[in-house]
Amino acid sequence: MHIHIRIYMVKVISLSDEAYTKLKSKKIGDRSFSDVVIELVDKKKEGSIMDFFGILKNDKDAISSFEKAYKERKNIKLRNIKF
């Protein structure tokens, strides 16, 4: 005979409506909110280049600087090509 007993420590936290909605959108199937939180926290620890996708979309100065640097780099490459 085997008996398995699981004791879960429950903590109550408060979330804004916006935070709850976003967390709930990550909850798929029968996954618990704890599972989702653990996955999100672990994902942040690992890091991914995709974490930065769109991070500067509203930073007009950064976009302008990148465009300028890209154009300058492109012009340098074109000038160094021998025909």
PDB file of N, CA and C in Angstrom:
ATOM      1  N   MET A   1       0.840  -1.166   0.000  1.00  0.00           N
ATOM      2  CA  MET A   1       0.000   0.000   0.000  1.00  0.00           C
ATOM      3  C   MET A   1       0.896   1.244   0.000  1.00  0.00           C
ATOM      4  N   HIS A   2       0.553   2.181  -0.868  1.00  0.00           N
ATOM      5  CA  HIS A   2       1.294   3.437  -0.956  1.00  0.00           C
ATOM      6  C   HIS A   2       0.348   4.596  -0.689  1.00  0.00           C
ATOM      7  N   ILE A   3       0.811   5.515   0.098  1.00  0.00           N
ATOM      8  CA  ILE A   3       0.019   6.713   0.367  1.00  0.00           C
ATOM      9  C   ILE A   3       0.878   7.918   0.015  1.00  0.00           C
ATOM     10  N   HIS A   4       0.340   8.770  -0.836  1.00  0.00           N
ATOM     11  CA  HIS A   4       1.033   9.998  -1.213  1.00  0.00           C
ATOM     12  C   HIS A   4       0.267  11.176  -0.638  1.00  0.00           C
ATOM     13  N   ILE A   5       0.966  11.991   0.085  1.00  0.00           N
ATOM     14  CA  ILE A   5       0.343  13.185   0.655  1.00  0.00           C
ATOM     15  C   ILE A   5       1.100  14.393   0.126  1.00  0.00           C
ATOM     16  N   ARG A   6       0.378  15.310  -0.422  1.00  0.00           N
ATOM     17  CA  ARG A   6       0.976  16.566  -0.900  1.00  0.00           C
ATOM     18  C   ARG A   6       0.432  17.704  -0.059  1.00  0.00           C
ATOM     19  N   ILE A   7       1.338  18.493   0.430  1.00  0.00           N
ATOM     20  CA  ILE A   7       0.936  19.665   1.197  1.00  0.00           C
ATOM     21  C   ILE A   7       1.424  20.885   0.429  1.00  0.00           C
ATOM     22  N   TYR A   8       0.505  21.717   0.042  1.00  0.00           N
ATOM     23  CA  TYR A   8       0.835  22.927  -0.698  1.00  0.00           C
ATOM     24  C   TYR A   8       0.773  24.124   0.239  1.00  0.00           C
ATOM     25  N   MET A   9       1.806  24.936   0.150  1.00  0.00           N
ATOM     26  CA  MET A   9       1.809  26.187   0.900  1.00  0.00           C
ATOM     27  C   MET A   9       1.105  27.213   0.017  1.00  0.00           C
ATOM     28  N   VAL A  10       0.072  27.799   0.516  1.00  0.00           N
ATOM     29  CA  VAL A  10      -0.707  28.754  -0.257  1.00  0.00           C
ATOM     30  C   VAL A  10      -0.394  30.162   0.228  1.00  0.00           C
ATOM     31  N   LYS A  11      -0.142  31.023  -0.708  1.00  0.00           N
ATOM     32  CA  LYS A  11       0.092  32.442  -0.426  1.00  0.00           C
ATOM     33  C   LYS A  11      -0.932  33.257  -1.195  1.00  0.00           C
ATOM     34  N   VAL A  12      -1.444  34.261  -0.581  1.00  0.00           N
ATOM     35  CA  VAL A  12      -2.411  35.136  -1.235  1.00  0.00           C
ATOM     36  C   VAL A  12      -1.665  36.371  -1.717  1.00  0.00           C
ATOM     37  N   ILE A  13      -1.831  36.695  -2.995  1.00  0.00           N
ATOM     38  CA  ILE A  13      -1.225  37.904  -3.549  1.00  0.00           C
ATOM     39  C   ILE A  13      -2.311  38.745  -4.197  1.00  0.00           C
ATOM     40  N   SER A  14      -2.034  40.020  -4.347  1.00  0.00           N
ATOM     41  CA  SER A  14      -2.983  40.922  -5.004  1.00  0.00           C
ATOM     42  C   SER A  14      -2.435  41.296  -6.374  1.00  0.00           C
ATOM     43  N   LEU A  15      -3.307  41.299  -7.348  1.00  0.00           N
ATOM     44  CA  LEU A  15      -2.935  41.693  -8.706  1.00  0.00           C
ATOM     45  C   LEU A  15      -3.929  42.734  -9.199  1.00  0.00           C
ATOM     46  N   SER A  16      -3.440  43.644  -9.996  1.00  0.00           N
ATOM     47  CA  SER A  16      -4.355  44.576 -10.650  1.00  0.00           C
ATOM     48  C   SER A  16      -5.158  43.788 -11.673  1.00  0.00           C
ATOM     49  N   ASP A  17      -6.252  44.369 -12.127  1.00  0.00           N
ATOM     50  CA  ASP A  17      -7.063  43.701 -13.147  1.00  0.00           C
ATOM     51  C   ASP A  17      -6.237  43.438 -14.402  1.00  0.00           C
ATOM     52  N   GLU A  18      -5.404  44.408 -14.761  1.00  0.00           N
ATOM     53  CA  GLU A  18      -4.568  44.250 -15.960  1.00  0.00           C
ATOM     54  C   GLU A  18      -3.587  43.093 -15.789  1.00  0.00           C
ATOM     55  N   ALA A  19      -2.928  43.014 -14.619  1.00  0.00           N
ATOM     56  CA  ALA A  19      -1.968  41.936 -14.371  1.00  0.00           C
ATOM     57  C   ALA A  19      -2.665  40.581 -14.374  1.00  0.00           C
ATOM     58  N   TYR A  20      -3.835  40.505 -13.759  1.00  0.00           N
ATOM     59  CA  TYR A  20      -4.591  39.248 -13.720  1.00  0.00           C
ATOM     60  C   TYR A  20      -4.974  38.804 -15.133  1.00  0.00           C
ATOM     61  N   THR A  21      -5.438  39.750 -15.942  1.00  0.00           N
ATOM     62  CA  THR A  21      -5.837  39.429 -17.312  1.00  0.00           C
ATOM     63  C   THR A  21      -4.650  38.902 -18.111  1.00  0.00           C
ATOM     64  N   LYS A  22      -3.490  39.546 -17.965  1.00  0.00           N
ATOM     65  CA  LYS A  22      -2.302  39.103 -18.691  1.00  0.00           C
ATOM     66  C   LYS A  22      -1.836  37.735 -18.209  1.00  0.00           C
ATOM     67  N   LEU A  23      -1.861  37.523 -16.900  1.00  0.00           N
ATOM     68  CA  LEU A  23      -1.464  36.224 -16.356  1.00  0.00           C
ATOM     69  C   LEU A  23      -2.428  35.138 -16.809  1.00  0.00           C
ATOM     70  N   LYS A  24      -3.705  35.444 -16.786  1.00  0.00           N
ATOM     71  CA  LYS A  24      -4.723  34.473 -17.192  1.00  0.00           C
ATOM     72  C   LYS A  24      -4.565  34.103 -18.668  1.00  0.00           C
ATOM     73  N   SER A  25      -4.141  35.061 -19.492  1.00  0.00           N
ATOM     74  CA  SER A  25      -3.981  34.785 -20.927  1.00  0.00           C
ATOM     75  C   SER A  25      -2.852  33.780 -21.185  1.00  0.00           C
ATOM     76  N   LYS A  26      -1.920  33.654 -20.245  1.00  0.00           N
ATOM     77  CA  LYS A  26      -0.820  32.702 -20.376  1.00  0.00           C
ATOM     78  C   LYS A  26      -1.209  31.312 -19.874  1.00  0.00           C
ATOM     79  N   LYS A  27      -2.325  31.233 -19.177  1.00  0.00           N
ATOM     80  CA  LYS A  27      -2.783  29.974 -18.573  1.00  0.00           C
ATOM     81  C   LYS A  27      -3.580  29.190 -19.607  1.00  0.00           C
ATOM     82  N   ILE A  28      -3.016  28.071 -20.029  1.00  0.00           N
ATOM     83  CA  ILE A  28      -3.644  27.262 -21.069  1.00  0.00           C
ATOM     84  C   ILE A  28      -3.994  25.893 -20.492  1.00  0.00           C
ATOM     85  N   GLY A  29      -5.173  25.413 -20.817  1.00  0.00           N
ATOM     86  CA  GLY A  29      -5.582  24.080 -20.371  1.00  0.00           C
ATOM     87  C   GLY A  29      -5.733  24.002 -18.874  1.00  0.00           C
ATOM     88  N   ASP A  30      -5.213  22.931 -18.313  1.00  0.00           N
ATOM     89  CA  ASP A  30      -5.385  22.716 -16.874  1.00  0.00           C
ATOM     90  C   ASP A  30      -4.183  23.189 -16.061  1.00  0.00           C
ATOM     91  N   ARG A  31      -3.334  23.995 -16.674  1.00  0.00           N
ATOM     92  CA  ARG A  31      -2.180  24.527 -15.948  1.00  0.00           C
ATOM     93  C   ARG A  31      -2.650  25.446 -14.828  1.00  0.00           C
ATOM     94  N   SER A  32      -1.934  25.426 -13.730  1.00  0.00           N
ATOM     95  CA  SER A  32      -2.283  26.298 -12.614  1.00  0.00           C
ATOM     96  C   SER A  32      -1.606  27.657 -12.802  1.00  0.00           C
ATOM     97  N   PHE A  33      -2.085  28.645 -12.057  1.00  0.00           N
ATOM     98  CA  PHE A  33      -1.430  29.950 -12.096  1.00  0.00           C
ATOM     99  C   PHE A  33       0.007  29.819 -11.589  1.00  0.00           C
ATOM    100  N   SER A  34       0.234  28.951 -10.614  1.00  0.00           N
ATOM    101  CA  SER A  34       1.594  28.718 -10.106  1.00  0.00           C
ATOM    102  C   SER A  34       2.508  28.226 -11.220  1.00  0.00           C
ATOM    103  N   ASP A  35       2.001  27.297 -12.031  1.00  0.00           N
ATOM    104  CA  ASP A  35       2.798  26.789 -13.156  1.00  0.00           C
ATOM    105  C   ASP A  35       3.179  27.921 -14.108  1.00  0.00           C
ATOM    106  N   VAL A  36       2.224  28.785 -14.382  1.00  0.00           N
ATOM    107  CA  VAL A  36       2.466  29.893 -15.313  1.00  0.00           C
ATOM    108  C   VAL A  36       3.494  30.860 -14.738  1.00  0.00           C
ATOM    109  N   VAL A  37       3.359  31.197 -13.464  1.00  0.00           N
ATOM    110  CA  VAL A  37       4.297  32.130 -12.831  1.00  0.00           C
ATOM    111  C   VAL A  37       5.703  31.537 -12.829  1.00  0.00           C
ATOM    112  N   ILE A  38       5.833  30.279 -12.473  1.00  0.00           N
ATOM    113  CA  ILE A  38       7.145  29.625 -12.453  1.00  0.00           C
ATOM    114  C   ILE A  38       7.765  29.627 -13.842  1.00  0.00           C
ATOM    115  N   GLU A  39       6.964  29.310 -14.858  1.00  0.00           N
ATOM    116  CA  GLU A  39       7.474  29.309 -16.229  1.00  0.00           C
ATOM    117  C   GLU A  39       7.949  30.698 -16.643  1.00  0.00           C
ATOM    118  N   LEU A  40       7.166  31.724 -16.337  1.00  0.00           N
ATOM    119  CA  LEU A  40       7.541  33.084 -16.718  1.00  0.00           C
ATOM    120  C   LEU A  40       8.799  33.547 -15.999  1.00  0.00           C
ATOM    121  N   VAL A  41       8.922  33.227 -14.733  1.00  0.00           N
ATOM    122  CA  VAL A  41      10.104  33.628 -13.968  1.00  0.00           C
ATOM    123  C   VAL A  41      11.334  32.891 -14.482  1.00  0.00           C
ATOM    124  N   ASP A  42      11.214  31.598 -14.720  1.00  0.00           N
ATOM    125  CA  ASP A  42      12.342  30.830 -15.239  1.00  0.00           C
ATOM    126  C   ASP A  42      12.742  31.310 -16.623  1.00  0.00           C
ATOM    127  N   LYS A  43      11.764  31.664 -17.436  1.00  0.00           N
ATOM    128  CA  LYS A  43      12.043  32.152 -18.786  1.00  0.00           C
ATOM    129  C   LYS A  43      12.855  33.440 -18.712  1.00  0.00           C
ATOM    130  N   LYS A  44      12.510  34.317 -17.788  1.00  0.00           N
ATOM    131  CA  LYS A  44      13.247  35.570 -17.646  1.00  0.00           C
ATOM    132  C   LYS A  44      14.683  35.316 -17.207  1.00  0.00           C
ATOM    133  N   LYS A  45      14.910  34.297 -16.403  1.00  0.00           N
ATOM    134  CA  LYS A  45      16.259  33.969 -15.963  1.00  0.00           C
ATOM    135  C   LYS A  45      17.108  33.508 -17.138  1.00  0.00           C
ATOM    136  N   GLU A  46      16.523  32.711 -18.017  1.00  0.00           N
ATOM    137  CA  GLU A  46      17.253  32.167 -19.159  1.00  0.00           C
ATOM    138  C   GLU A  46      17.625  33.264 -20.137  1.00  0.00           C
ATOM    139  N   GLY A  47      16.700  34.157 -20.381  1.00  0.00           N
ATOM    140  CA  GLY A  47      16.942  35.218 -21.323  1.00  0.00           C
ATOM    141  C   GLY A  47      16.882  34.739 -22.764  1.00  0.00           C
ATOM    142  N   SER A  48      16.427  35.576 -23.603  1.00  0.00           N
ATOM    143  CA  SER A  48      16.314  35.254 -25.016  1.00  0.00           C
ATOM    144  C   SER A  48      16.422  36.551 -25.796  1.00  0.00           C
ATOM    145  N   ILE A  49      16.981  36.460 -26.963  1.00  0.00           N
ATOM    146  CA  ILE A  49      17.067  37.645 -27.815  1.00  0.00           C
ATOM    147  C   ILE A  49      15.674  38.186 -28.122  1.00  0.00           C
ATOM    148  N   MET A  50      14.680  37.288 -28.133  1.00  0.00           N
ATOM    149  CA  MET A  50      13.312  37.705 -28.432  1.00  0.00           C
ATOM    150  C   MET A  50      12.719  38.572 -27.319  1.00  0.00           C
ATOM    151  N   ASP A  51      13.327  38.543 -26.125  1.00  0.00           N
ATOM    152  CA  ASP A  51      12.867  39.410 -25.044  1.00  0.00           C
ATOM    153  C   ASP A  51      13.014  40.883 -25.420  1.00  0.00           C
ATOM    154  N   PHE A  52      13.909  41.154 -26.365  1.00  0.00           N
ATOM    155  CA  PHE A  52      14.180  42.536 -26.756  1.00  0.00           C
ATOM    156  C   PHE A  52      13.414  42.969 -27.997  1.00  0.00           C
ATOM    157  N   PHE A  53      12.689  42.048 -28.607  1.00  0.00           N
ATOM    158  CA  PHE A  53      11.943  42.369 -29.819  1.00  0.00           C
ATOM    159  C   PHE A  53      10.912  43.454 -29.527  1.00  0.00           C
ATOM    160  N   GLY A  54      10.989  44.558 -30.236  1.00  0.00           N
ATOM    161  CA  GLY A  54      10.028  45.641 -30.090  1.00  0.00           C
ATOM    162  C   GLY A  54      10.287  46.571 -28.929  1.00  0.00           C
ATOM    163  N   ILE A  55      11.386  46.377 -28.201  1.00  0.00           N
ATOM    164  CA  ILE A  55      11.629  47.159 -26.993  1.00  0.00           C
ATOM    165  C   ILE A  55      11.814  48.654 -27.290  1.00  0.00           C
ATOM    166  N   LEU A  56      12.283  48.976 -28.482  1.00  0.00           N
ATOM    167  CA  LEU A  56      12.538  50.376 -28.830  1.00  0.00           C
ATOM    168  C   LEU A  56      11.500  50.959 -29.788  1.00  0.00           C
ATOM    169  N   LYS A  57      10.391  50.279 -29.960  1.00  0.00           N
ATOM    170  CA  LYS A  57       9.432  50.692 -30.983  1.00  0.00           C
ATOM    171  C   LYS A  57       8.890  52.108 -30.771  1.00  0.00           C
ATOM    172  N   ASN A  58       8.884  52.591 -29.541  1.00  0.00           N
ATOM    173  CA  ASN A  58       8.362  53.940 -29.272  1.00  0.00           C
ATOM    174  C   ASN A  58       9.467  54.950 -28.998  1.00  0.00           C
ATOM    175  N   ASP A  59      10.715  54.531 -29.152  1.00  0.00           N
ATOM    176  CA  ASP A  59      11.850  55.416 -28.898  1.00  0.00           C
ATOM    177  C   ASP A  59      12.338  55.991 -30.223  1.00  0.00           C
ATOM    178  N   LYS A  60      11.769  57.122 -30.607  1.00  0.00           N
ATOM    179  CA  LYS A  60      12.064  57.733 -31.918  1.00  0.00           C
ATOM    180  C   LYS A  60      13.545  58.076 -32.073  1.00  0.00           C
ATOM    181  N   ASP A  61      14.190  58.558 -30.988  1.00  0.00           N
ATOM    182  CA  ASP A  61      15.607  58.917 -31.072  1.00  0.00           C
ATOM    183  C   ASP A  61      16.471  57.688 -31.340  1.00  0.00           C
ATOM    184  N   ALA A  62      16.181  56.591 -30.658  1.00  0.00           N
ATOM    185  CA  ALA A  62      16.959  55.360 -30.859  1.00  0.00           C
ATOM    186  C   ALA A  62      16.772  54.840 -32.275  1.00  0.00           C
ATOM    187  N   ILE A  63      15.537  54.853 -32.757  1.00  0.00           N
ATOM    188  CA  ILE A  63      15.262  54.377 -34.116  1.00  0.00           C
ATOM    189  C   ILE A  63      16.004  55.229 -35.135  1.00  0.00           C
ATOM    190  N   SER A  64      15.970  56.527 -34.942  1.00  0.00           N
ATOM    191  CA  SER A  64      16.661  57.441 -35.842  1.00  0.00           C
ATOM    192  C   SER A  64      18.169  57.179 -35.827  1.00  0.00           C
ATOM    193  N   SER A  65      18.728  56.973 -34.652  1.00  0.00           N
ATOM    194  CA  SER A  65      20.167  56.692 -34.539  1.00  0.00           C
ATOM    195  C   SER A  65      20.533  55.397 -35.242  1.00  0.00           C
ATOM    196  N   PHE A  66      19.710  54.358 -35.056  1.00  0.00           N
ATOM    197  CA  PHE A  66      19.984  53.080 -35.720  1.00  0.00           C
ATOM    198  C   PHE A  66      19.881  53.218 -37.235  1.00  0.00           C
ATOM    199  N   GLU A  67      18.883  53.953 -37.703  1.00  0.00           N
ATOM    200  CA  GLU A  67      18.731  54.134 -39.147  1.00  0.00           C
ATOM    201  C   GLU A  67      19.930  54.872 -39.722  1.00  0.00           C
ATOM    202  N   LYS A  68      20.374  55.903 -39.018  1.00  0.00           N
ATOM    203  CA  LYS A  68      21.522  56.681 -39.474  1.00  0.00           C
ATOM    204  C   LYS A  68      22.778  55.812 -39.514  1.00  0.00           C
ATOM    205  N   ALA A  69      23.011  55.037 -38.462  1.00  0.00           N
ATOM    206  CA  ALA A  69      24.188  54.162 -38.415  1.00  0.00           C
ATOM    207  C   ALA A  69      24.117  53.110 -39.507  1.00  0.00           C
ATOM    208  N   TYR A  70      22.928  52.564 -39.758  1.00  0.00           N
ATOM    209  CA  TYR A  70      22.756  51.555 -40.808  1.00  0.00           C
ATOM    210  C   TYR A  70      23.089  52.140 -42.181  1.00  0.00           C
ATOM    211  N   LYS A  71      22.564  53.335 -42.451  1.00  0.00           N
ATOM    212  CA  LYS A  71      22.820  53.970 -43.747  1.00  0.00           C
ATOM    213  C   LYS A  71      24.301  54.285 -43.924  1.00  0.00           C
ATOM    214  N   GLU A  72      24.957  54.771 -42.848  1.00  0.00           N
ATOM    215  CA  GLU A  72      26.388  55.062 -42.935  1.00  0.00           C
ATOM    216  C   GLU A  72      27.185  53.786 -43.188  1.00  0.00           C
ATOM    217  N   ARG A  73      26.831  52.718 -42.483  1.00  0.00           N
ATOM    218  CA  ARG A  73      27.527  51.437 -42.658  1.00  0.00           C
ATOM    219  C   ARG A  73      27.321  50.905 -44.081  1.00  0.00           C
ATOM    220  N   LYS A  74      26.116  51.044 -44.581  1.00  0.00           N
ATOM    221  CA  LYS A  74      25.803  50.582 -45.933  1.00  0.00           C
ATOM    222  C   LYS A  74      26.631  51.358 -46.957  1.00  0.00           C
ATOM    223  N   ASN A  75      26.743  52.671 -46.770  1.00  0.00           N
ATOM    224  CA  ASN A  75      27.532  53.501 -47.686  1.00  0.00           C
ATOM    225  C   ASN A  75      29.006  53.136 -47.643  1.00  0.00           C
ATOM    226  N   ILE A  76      29.538  52.813 -46.480  1.00  0.00           N
ATOM    227  CA  ILE A  76      30.936  52.425 -46.356  1.00  0.00           C
ATOM    228  C   ILE A  76      31.190  51.141 -47.119  1.00  0.00           C
ATOM    229  N   LYS A  77      30.327  50.177 -46.996  1.00  0.00           N
ATOM    230  CA  LYS A  77      30.478  48.899 -47.696  1.00  0.00           C
ATOM    231  C   LYS A  77      30.422  49.114 -49.205  1.00  0.00           C
ATOM    232  N   LEU A  78      29.495  49.963 -49.667  1.00  0.00           N
ATOM    233  CA  LEU A  78      29.370  50.204 -51.102  1.00  0.00           C
ATOM    234  C   LEU A  78      30.604  50.889 -51.668  1.00  0.00           C
ATOM    235  N   ARG A  79      31.224  51.797 -50.915  1.00  0.00           N
ATOM    236  CA  ARG A  79      32.415  52.500 -51.384  1.00  0.00           C
ATOM    237  C   ARG A  79      33.623  51.587 -51.466  1.00  0.00           C
ATOM    238  N   ASN A  80      33.663  50.550 -50.658  1.00  0.00           N
ATOM    239  CA  ASN A  80      34.821  49.646 -50.631  1.00  0.00           C
ATOM    240  C   ASN A  80      34.725  48.514 -51.639  1.00  0.00           C
ATOM    241  N   ILE A  81      33.619  48.424 -52.360  1.00  0.00           N
ATOM    242  CA  ILE A  81      33.470  47.379 -53.377  1.00  0.00           C
ATOM    243  C   ILE A  81      34.254  47.785 -54.629  1.00  0.00           C
ATOM    244  N   LYS A  82      35.061  46.851 -55.115  1.00  0.00           N
ATOM    245  CA  LYS A  82      35.850  47.116 -56.322  1.00  0.00           C
ATOM    246  C   LYS A  82      35.159  46.484 -57.515  1.00  0.00           C
ATOM    247  N   PHE A  83      34.969  47.269 -58.533  1.00  0.00           N
ATOM    248  CA  PHE A  83      34.287  46.781 -59.754  1.00  0.00           C
ATOM    249  C   PHE A  83      35.284  46.449 -60.810  1.00  0.00           C
TER     250      PHE A  83
END
